[in-house]
Amino acid sequence: MEPMGLCWTGLPSDLVVEVRDMAFHLHKFPLLSRSLVIADRIKDYCGLDGKKCVLQFHHIPGGAKTFLLVAKFCYGIRLELNAMNIVGLRWPLSENGTAQCPEGNHVLWNGICTTAKPQTSSEDWWYEDVSFRLRLYKRQSSFQSRNNAAPVSTTSHLSDMDQRHLLEEIVALIPTQKGATPTNFLLRLLRTSMILRARPPCQEKLERQIGAQLDQAALEDLLIPNIGYSMETLYDIDCVQRILDHFIRVDQESLNSSSSYVIDEGQLMGGSHPLTPMTMVATLVDGYLAEVAPDINLKLPKFQSLAAVIPDYVRPSNDGIYSAIDIYLKAHPWLIDSEREQICGLMNCQKLSLEASTHATQNEWLPLRFIVQVIFFEQLRLWTSRNPTGIFMSHT
């Protein structure tokens, strides 16, 4: 057996931990105070006196490499948690209780960060390679069972309950700081939590964190299939609504706590506007509405509610929302005139591009009143371009 000395304190070792072909020469006190699993073993087999003792953990998931991380944690040494080691660490650090993090110890979680993934992995590295490390989790669960822990399933595949519990533990470990975890990863975790029927607190945490950094999301990741009991719509519109509502609250709180900054609407129209989180989310929402609009089961109030969350002043252009409304009207030809006017009320005719305005004037699905408004503002725009210093006046 190959010895490994880890006497970081400079004191003589009073504990030897054997993990397969590796022996760790350690000290009882750091392990007693940080790991309940190891503390129980020391009390049962060694006692708390100063005599040197030997513990064996030959079946620990991950072997000596995992135990080395455990030892570093217990000694207060900085370490990094990632998707490749977090499940293996769960057993020694959190069985029968929660690990006590030493003051000043820095535990980093960046395994979800795309920069930390193995270079040979695909874009879905966490989903394909980890699959939440279910096989490793099963080995760890079997180890717990052999040590008088709660019994686990002996089937060839983990049950939904096992997968759900593991998912919830992973979500609980994700830091709450904005931007600490990529938004696309959070959205995929959220989708998986829905499939596994995770408990509401798990999904709520994910929705809050996604909402706080919604401006970093990609449209394709927001297209979450509706797997609820009602199955009313193809995509889970209610989930996106909750995420968007949270983003609005966070953005408003940020504005209230910081110095006032006003974006001139002329800048927005002129194309020189800064890409603020709100303008980025406005573009994202317009694209999302265009994707879900063809769903014939999507009710008008739900479409309106989602579109109306975005204030008109943050949309640099209304071409995106116009495209979504055009698709919705064509997919719902049974709407009456008053409903068509309601949905068109979400648009600002003055923010349509020349191309969109031209399309709108020939769009038979739009209410006549809206078409007249588009024509009026197009004429006004044309007159203004020919008389840049003139004043528009009406004579009686």
Protein backbone atom coordinates (compact mmCIF):
# COMPACT_ATOMS: atom_id res chain seq x y z
CA MET A 1 0.00 0.00 0.00
CA GLU A 2 1.39 3.36 -1.00
CA PRO A 3 1.50 5.88 1.88
CA MET A 4 0.49 9.49 1.45
CA GLY A 5 1.44 11.97 4.10
CA LEU A 6 -0.98 14.86 4.59
CA CYS A 7 0.31 16.39 7.79
CA TRP A 8 -0.56 19.97 6.89
CA THR A 9 -0.55 21.03 10.54
CA GLY A 10 3.01 19.87 11.20
CA LEU A 11 1.81 17.63 14.06
CA PRO A 12 2.40 13.86 14.26
CA SER A 13 -0.36 11.84 12.61
CA ASP A 14 -2.79 10.00 14.92
CA LEU A 15 -5.06 8.55 12.22
CA VAL A 16 -4.45 6.43 9.12
CA VAL A 17 -7.18 6.17 6.49
CA GLU A 18 -6.75 3.41 3.95
CA VAL A 19 -8.53 3.84 0.62
CA ARG A 20 -7.84 0.92 -1.68
CA ASP A 21 -4.07 0.98 -2.31
CA MET A 22 -3.47 4.38 -0.71
CA ALA A 23 -2.87 5.24 2.96
CA PHE A 24 -3.54 8.76 4.28
CA HIS A 25 -1.75 9.82 7.48
CA LEU A 26 -4.05 12.39 9.05
CA HIS A 27 -5.27 13.87 12.33
CA LYS A 28 -8.52 13.08 14.11
CA PHE A 29 -9.58 16.58 15.07
CA PRO A 30 -10.02 18.19 11.60
CA LEU A 31 -11.99 15.17 10.38
CA LEU A 32 -14.12 15.00 13.53
CA SER A 33 -15.20 18.61 13.15
CA ARG A 34 -15.93 18.52 9.40
CA SER A 35 -17.30 15.09 8.46
CA LEU A 36 -20.03 13.34 10.42
CA VAL A 37 -19.42 10.09 8.55
CA ILE A 38 -15.74 9.92 9.49
CA ALA A 39 -16.48 11.19 12.99
CA ASP A 40 -18.89 8.28 13.58
CA ARG A 41 -16.29 5.81 12.33
CA ILE A 42 -13.62 7.25 14.64
CA LYS A 43 -15.94 7.05 17.63
CA ASP A 44 -17.00 3.48 16.82
CA TYR A 45 -13.62 1.98 15.97
CA CYS A 46 -10.93 4.22 17.42
CA GLY A 47 -12.23 6.22 20.33
CA LEU A 48 -11.35 9.84 21.00
CA ASP A 49 -8.11 9.28 22.88
CA GLY A 50 -4.72 10.13 21.51
CA LYS A 51 -3.94 6.62 20.27
CA LYS A 52 -3.29 6.15 16.59
CA CYS A 53 -5.94 4.19 14.72
CA VAL A 54 -6.63 2.89 11.22
CA LEU A 55 -9.85 3.30 9.23
CA GLN A 56 -10.62 1.62 5.93
CA PHE A 57 -12.79 3.13 3.20
CA HIS A 58 -12.13 0.82 0.28
CA HIS A 59 -15.55 1.29 -1.32
CA ILE A 60 -15.76 5.08 -1.32
CA PRO A 61 -16.98 6.32 -4.73
CA GLY A 62 -14.07 7.89 -6.57
CA GLY A 63 -11.45 6.13 -4.48
CA ALA A 64 -8.33 7.87 -3.19
CA LYS A 65 -8.79 10.85 -5.49
CA THR A 66 -12.15 11.68 -3.93
CA PHE A 67 -10.91 11.14 -0.39
CA LEU A 68 -8.02 13.51 -1.02
CA LEU A 69 -10.56 16.26 -1.73
CA VAL A 70 -12.42 15.31 1.44
CA ALA A 71 -9.23 15.57 3.47
CA LYS A 72 -8.42 18.96 1.98
CA PHE A 73 -11.90 20.20 2.86
CA CYS A 74 -11.58 19.01 6.43
CA TYR A 75 -8.21 20.75 6.78
CA GLY A 76 -9.61 24.03 5.44
CA ILE A 77 -7.67 23.97 2.19
CA ARG A 78 -9.13 25.73 -0.84
CA LEU A 79 -10.72 23.29 -3.27
CA GLU A 80 -12.86 23.34 -6.36
CA LEU A 81 -16.16 21.52 -6.78
CA ASN A 82 -17.30 20.59 -10.26
CA ALA A 83 -19.69 18.22 -11.98
CA MET A 84 -17.01 15.52 -12.05
CA ASN A 85 -16.48 15.31 -8.28
CA ILE A 86 -19.50 16.78 -6.50
CA VAL A 87 -21.52 13.56 -6.32
CA GLY A 88 -18.58 11.59 -4.96
CA LEU A 89 -18.10 14.16 -2.23
CA ARG A 90 -21.69 13.95 -1.06
CA TRP A 91 -21.16 10.74 0.93
CA PRO A 92 -18.27 11.74 3.21
CA LEU A 93 -19.37 15.34 3.69
CA SER A 94 -23.11 15.22 4.11
CA GLU A 95 -24.38 11.79 5.17
CA ASN A 96 -26.52 12.05 8.29
CA GLY A 97 -26.06 15.80 8.36
CA THR A 98 -24.55 18.84 6.74
CA ALA A 99 -20.84 19.42 6.40
CA GLN A 100 -19.50 22.25 8.49
CA CYS A 101 -17.54 24.61 6.31
CA PRO A 102 -14.44 25.90 8.11
CA GLU A 103 -14.24 29.64 8.46
CA GLY A 104 -12.01 31.06 5.79
CA ASN A 105 -12.26 27.92 3.69
CA HIS A 106 -13.11 28.62 0.05
CA VAL A 107 -15.19 26.02 -1.74
CA LEU A 108 -15.56 26.95 -5.40
CA TRP A 109 -18.34 25.71 -7.65
CA ASN A 110 -17.46 26.25 -11.27
CA GLY A 111 -18.09 22.84 -12.71
CA ILE A 112 -21.19 24.26 -14.35
CA CYS A 113 -19.18 26.96 -16.05
CA THR A 114 -18.50 26.23 -19.68
CA THR A 115 -14.86 27.23 -19.19
CA ALA A 116 -14.44 24.47 -16.65
CA LYS A 117 -15.80 21.62 -18.75
CA PRO A 118 -13.44 19.10 -20.32
CA GLN A 119 -12.30 20.26 -23.72
CA THR A 120 -13.26 16.96 -25.33
CA SER A 121 -16.87 17.14 -24.15
CA SER A 122 -19.80 18.12 -26.29
CA GLU A 123 -22.02 21.13 -25.69
CA ASP A 124 -24.28 18.98 -23.50
CA TRP A 125 -21.33 17.73 -21.42
CA TRP A 126 -23.20 17.81 -18.13
CA TYR A 127 -26.24 16.05 -19.56
CA GLU A 128 -24.43 13.34 -21.49
CA ASP A 129 -21.42 12.65 -19.29
CA VAL A 130 -22.87 13.34 -15.89
CA SER A 131 -26.51 12.42 -16.47
CA PHE A 132 -26.28 13.56 -12.89
CA ARG A 133 -23.67 10.85 -12.31
CA LEU A 134 -26.41 8.32 -11.66
CA ARG A 135 -24.16 5.28 -11.88
CA LEU A 136 -21.73 6.78 -9.41
CA TYR A 137 -24.64 7.76 -7.22
CA LYS A 138 -25.85 4.16 -7.25
CA ARG A 139 -22.42 2.91 -6.16
CA GLN A 140 -22.42 5.47 -3.38
CA SER A 141 -25.94 4.45 -2.33
CA SER A 142 -24.92 0.79 -2.24
CA PHE A 143 -21.97 1.76 -0.03
CA GLN A 144 -24.37 3.53 2.32
CA SER A 145 -26.58 0.46 2.44
CA ARG A 146 -23.65 -1.76 3.43
CA ASN A 147 -22.93 0.66 6.28
CA ASN A 148 -26.41 0.54 7.82
CA ALA A 149 -27.69 3.54 5.90
CA ALA A 150 -31.15 3.73 4.42
CA PRO A 151 -31.80 0.90 1.93
CA VAL A 152 -31.57 1.72 -1.75
CA SER A 153 -33.03 0.20 -4.89
CA THR A 154 -31.24 -2.86 -6.22
CA THR A 155 -32.67 -2.56 -9.70
CA SER A 156 -30.43 -1.96 -12.69
CA HIS A 157 -31.64 1.63 -12.96
CA LEU A 158 -32.21 4.30 -10.36
CA SER A 159 -35.80 5.09 -9.56
CA ASP A 160 -37.33 8.47 -10.31
CA MET A 161 -37.21 9.20 -6.58
CA ASP A 162 -33.45 8.60 -6.46
CA GLN A 163 -32.89 10.82 -9.46
CA ARG A 164 -35.18 13.49 -8.04
CA HIS A 165 -33.36 13.54 -4.70
CA LEU A 166 -30.00 13.79 -6.42
CA LEU A 167 -31.21 16.63 -8.63
CA GLU A 168 -32.54 18.54 -5.63
CA GLU A 169 -29.21 18.15 -3.85
CA ILE A 170 -27.33 19.47 -6.87
CA VAL A 171 -29.68 22.46 -7.13
CA ALA A 172 -29.20 23.17 -3.42
CA LEU A 173 -25.43 23.35 -4.00
CA ILE A 174 -25.66 25.90 -6.81
CA PRO A 175 -24.57 29.37 -5.61
CA THR A 176 -27.24 32.05 -5.61
CA GLN A 177 -25.02 34.86 -6.89
CA LYS A 178 -26.15 36.31 -10.19
CA GLY A 179 -24.03 35.05 -13.06
CA ALA A 180 -22.24 32.39 -11.02
CA THR A 181 -23.96 29.67 -13.03
CA PRO A 182 -24.65 29.85 -16.79
CA THR A 183 -28.29 30.51 -17.58
CA ASN A 184 -28.54 27.73 -20.14
CA PHE A 185 -27.44 25.21 -17.51
CA LEU A 186 -30.04 26.49 -15.06
CA LEU A 187 -32.75 26.21 -17.72
CA ARG A 188 -31.79 22.62 -18.48
CA LEU A 189 -31.83 21.81 -14.80
CA LEU A 190 -35.28 23.39 -14.59
CA ARG A 191 -36.51 21.27 -17.49
CA THR A 192 -35.15 18.14 -15.82
CA SER A 193 -36.74 19.10 -12.50
CA MET A 194 -40.10 19.24 -14.25
CA ILE A 195 -39.61 15.82 -15.78
CA LEU A 196 -38.65 14.33 -12.40
CA ARG A 197 -41.44 16.20 -10.56
CA ALA A 198 -38.99 17.86 -8.18
CA ARG A 199 -40.41 19.60 -5.14
CA PRO A 200 -41.65 23.19 -5.58
CA PRO A 201 -38.75 24.82 -3.64
CA CYS A 202 -36.28 23.27 -6.10
CA GLN A 203 -38.09 24.61 -9.16
CA GLU A 204 -38.73 27.97 -7.50
CA LYS A 205 -35.03 28.45 -6.78
CA LEU A 206 -34.15 27.70 -10.38
CA GLU A 207 -36.84 30.06 -11.71
CA ARG A 208 -35.62 32.86 -9.43
CA GLN A 209 -32.01 32.45 -10.51
CA ILE A 210 -32.92 32.26 -14.18
CA GLY A 211 -35.07 35.35 -13.81
CA ALA A 212 -32.24 37.29 -12.20
CA GLN A 213 -30.05 36.73 -15.27
CA LEU A 214 -32.65 36.27 -18.00
CA ASP A 215 -30.76 38.66 -20.28
CA GLN A 216 -28.11 35.92 -20.65
CA ALA A 217 -30.60 33.29 -21.84
CA ALA A 218 -30.91 31.91 -25.37
CA LEU A 219 -34.27 31.57 -27.06
CA GLU A 220 -33.99 27.84 -27.69
CA ASP A 221 -33.40 27.18 -23.98
CA LEU A 222 -36.60 29.03 -23.05
CA LEU A 223 -38.72 26.72 -25.20
CA ILE A 224 -39.57 24.38 -22.33
CA PRO A 225 -42.10 21.70 -23.31
CA ASN A 226 -45.26 21.68 -21.26
CA ILE A 227 -45.30 18.44 -19.29
CA GLY A 228 -47.83 19.56 -16.68
CA TYR A 229 -51.02 17.73 -15.96
CA SER A 230 -53.18 20.14 -17.97
CA MET A 231 -51.00 20.08 -21.14
CA GLU A 232 -52.95 23.12 -22.31
CA THR A 233 -50.20 24.52 -24.53
CA LEU A 234 -47.24 23.02 -26.33
CA TYR A 235 -44.73 25.08 -24.32
CA ASP A 236 -44.78 25.95 -20.63
CA ILE A 237 -45.90 29.58 -20.95
CA ASP A 238 -46.68 29.92 -17.23
CA CYS A 239 -43.11 29.02 -16.27
CA VAL A 240 -41.65 31.64 -18.62
CA GLN A 241 -44.16 34.17 -17.27
CA ARG A 242 -42.95 33.56 -13.71
CA ILE A 243 -39.32 33.83 -14.80
CA LEU A 244 -40.04 37.09 -16.65
CA ASP A 245 -41.95 38.54 -13.71
CA HIS A 246 -38.99 37.83 -11.45
CA PHE A 247 -36.62 39.49 -13.91
CA ILE A 248 -38.78 42.62 -13.91
CA ARG A 249 -38.76 42.73 -10.11
CA VAL A 250 -34.99 42.29 -9.93
CA ASP A 251 -34.43 44.92 -12.62
CA GLN A 252 -36.70 47.38 -10.86
CA GLU A 253 -34.96 46.80 -7.54
CA SER A 254 -31.63 47.38 -9.25
CA LEU A 255 -32.83 50.67 -10.71
CA ASN A 256 -34.21 51.82 -7.36
CA SER A 257 -30.98 51.02 -5.53
CA SER A 258 -28.67 52.63 -8.09
CA SER A 259 -28.38 56.14 -9.39
CA SER A 260 -31.09 57.07 -11.83
CA TYR A 261 -30.23 56.51 -15.45
CA VAL A 262 -32.67 57.42 -18.19
CA ILE A 263 -32.37 56.16 -21.75
CA ASP A 264 -33.63 58.68 -24.26
CA GLU A 265 -36.29 57.15 -26.52
CA GLY A 266 -34.70 58.88 -29.50
CA GLN A 267 -31.55 56.88 -28.82
CA LEU A 268 -33.58 53.70 -28.80
CA MET A 269 -35.13 54.51 -32.15
CA GLY A 270 -31.89 55.77 -33.64
CA GLY A 271 -30.02 52.52 -33.01
CA SER A 272 -27.42 54.05 -30.65
CA HIS A 273 -29.06 52.65 -27.52
CA PRO A 274 -26.97 50.62 -25.07
CA LEU A 275 -27.76 46.92 -24.84
CA THR A 276 -29.21 47.04 -21.35
CA PRO A 277 -30.52 43.83 -19.77
CA MET A 278 -34.08 45.06 -20.26
CA THR A 279 -33.68 45.70 -24.00
CA MET A 280 -32.03 42.30 -24.43
CA VAL A 281 -34.90 40.61 -22.61
CA ALA A 282 -37.41 42.55 -24.72
CA THR A 283 -35.86 41.08 -27.88
CA LEU A 284 -35.81 37.64 -26.24
CA VAL A 285 -39.49 37.84 -25.28
CA ASP A 286 -40.54 39.00 -28.74
CA GLY A 287 -38.72 36.02 -30.25
CA TYR A 288 -40.34 33.69 -27.72
CA LEU A 289 -43.80 35.04 -28.54
CA ALA A 290 -43.19 34.41 -32.23
CA GLU A 291 -42.25 30.79 -31.44
CA VAL A 292 -45.30 30.05 -29.30
CA ALA A 293 -47.80 32.08 -31.35
CA PRO A 294 -48.72 29.23 -33.79
CA ASP A 295 -50.09 27.16 -30.89
CA ILE A 296 -53.86 27.20 -31.39
CA ASN A 297 -54.36 26.41 -27.69
CA LEU A 298 -52.54 29.57 -26.62
CA LYS A 299 -55.26 31.85 -25.27
CA LEU A 300 -55.23 35.56 -26.02
CA PRO A 301 -55.01 36.69 -22.34
CA LYS A 302 -51.90 34.55 -21.82
CA PHE A 303 -50.26 35.95 -24.97
CA GLN A 304 -51.14 39.50 -23.92
CA SER A 305 -49.92 39.00 -20.36
CA LEU A 306 -46.51 37.83 -21.51
CA ALA A 307 -46.11 40.60 -24.09
CA ALA A 308 -47.32 43.38 -21.81
CA VAL A 309 -44.69 42.72 -19.15
CA ILE A 310 -42.10 44.48 -21.32
CA PRO A 311 -42.53 48.29 -21.21
CA ASP A 312 -42.88 49.91 -24.61
CA TYR A 313 -40.03 52.34 -24.02
CA VAL A 314 -37.38 49.59 -23.83
CA ARG A 315 -38.22 48.11 -27.23
CA PRO A 316 -35.85 49.75 -29.76
CA SER A 317 -38.13 48.49 -32.51
CA ASN A 318 -41.59 46.96 -32.61
CA ASP A 319 -40.82 44.72 -35.58
CA GLY A 320 -40.36 41.71 -33.29
CA ILE A 321 -43.66 42.06 -31.47
CA TYR A 322 -45.39 42.83 -34.79
CA SER A 323 -44.08 39.59 -36.27
CA ALA A 324 -45.32 37.63 -33.24
CA ILE A 325 -48.77 39.24 -33.41
CA ASP A 326 -49.00 38.61 -37.16
CA ILE A 327 -48.26 34.90 -36.59
CA TYR A 328 -50.77 34.72 -33.74
CA LEU A 329 -53.56 36.33 -35.75
CA LYS A 330 -53.04 33.94 -38.66
CA ALA A 331 -53.05 30.93 -36.30
CA HIS A 332 -56.24 32.15 -34.56
CA PRO A 333 -58.55 33.30 -37.36
CA TRP A 334 -61.64 33.03 -35.14
CA LEU A 335 -60.71 36.11 -33.07
CA ILE A 336 -63.36 38.84 -33.20
CA ASP A 337 -62.55 42.46 -34.09
CA SER A 338 -62.38 43.65 -30.49
CA GLU A 339 -59.85 40.93 -29.66
CA ARG A 340 -57.76 41.84 -32.69
CA GLU A 341 -57.73 45.46 -31.53
CA GLN A 342 -56.67 44.35 -28.05
CA ILE A 343 -53.69 42.42 -29.29
CA CYS A 344 -52.67 45.18 -31.70
CA GLY A 345 -52.74 47.57 -28.76
CA LEU A 346 -49.49 45.89 -27.67
CA MET A 347 -47.70 47.57 -30.58
CA ASN A 348 -46.44 51.09 -31.13
CA CYS A 349 -46.97 52.04 -34.78
CA GLN A 350 -44.28 54.70 -34.59
CA LYS A 351 -41.61 52.07 -33.86
CA LEU A 352 -42.23 49.93 -36.92
CA SER A 353 -39.56 49.91 -39.59
CA LEU A 354 -40.40 50.88 -43.17
CA GLU A 355 -40.49 47.24 -44.17
CA ALA A 356 -42.79 46.27 -41.29
CA SER A 357 -45.05 49.26 -41.92
CA THR A 358 -45.38 48.35 -45.59
CA HIS A 359 -46.29 44.80 -44.62
CA ALA A 360 -48.81 46.01 -42.04
CA THR A 361 -50.69 48.23 -44.51
CA GLN A 362 -51.35 45.15 -46.66
CA ASN A 363 -52.09 42.76 -43.79
CA GLU A 364 -55.71 41.63 -43.97
CA TRP A 365 -55.55 40.12 -40.49
CA LEU A 366 -55.06 43.49 -38.80
CA PRO A 367 -58.03 45.65 -37.75
CA LEU A 368 -58.75 48.59 -40.01
CA ARG A 369 -58.14 51.14 -37.27
CA PHE A 370 -54.59 49.88 -36.77
CA ILE A 371 -53.86 49.94 -40.51
CA VAL A 372 -55.04 53.57 -40.68
CA GLN A 373 -52.69 54.47 -37.81
CA VAL A 374 -49.77 52.82 -39.58
CA ILE A 375 -50.51 54.73 -42.79
CA PHE A 376 -50.81 58.01 -40.88
CA PHE A 377 -47.43 57.61 -39.15
CA GLU A 378 -45.80 56.53 -42.39
CA GLN A 379 -47.06 59.70 -44.06
CA LEU A 380 -45.86 61.73 -41.09
CA ARG A 381 -42.44 60.10 -41.26
CA LEU A 382 -42.23 60.79 -45.00
CA TRP A 383 -43.21 64.43 -44.51
CA THR A 384 -40.68 64.86 -41.70
CA SER A 385 -37.88 63.38 -43.80
CA ARG A 386 -38.62 65.93 -46.54
CA ASN A 387 -38.94 68.82 -44.08
CA PRO A 388 -36.40 68.10 -41.34
CA THR A 389 -36.63 71.60 -39.89
CA GLY A 390 -40.32 72.14 -40.60
CA ILE A 391 -43.24 72.16 -38.21
CA PHE A 392 -46.22 69.99 -38.82
CA MET A 393 -49.27 72.21 -38.66
CA SER A 394 -52.94 71.85 -39.50
CA HIS A 395 -54.90 74.77 -40.95
CA THR A 396 -58.57 75.44 -40.43
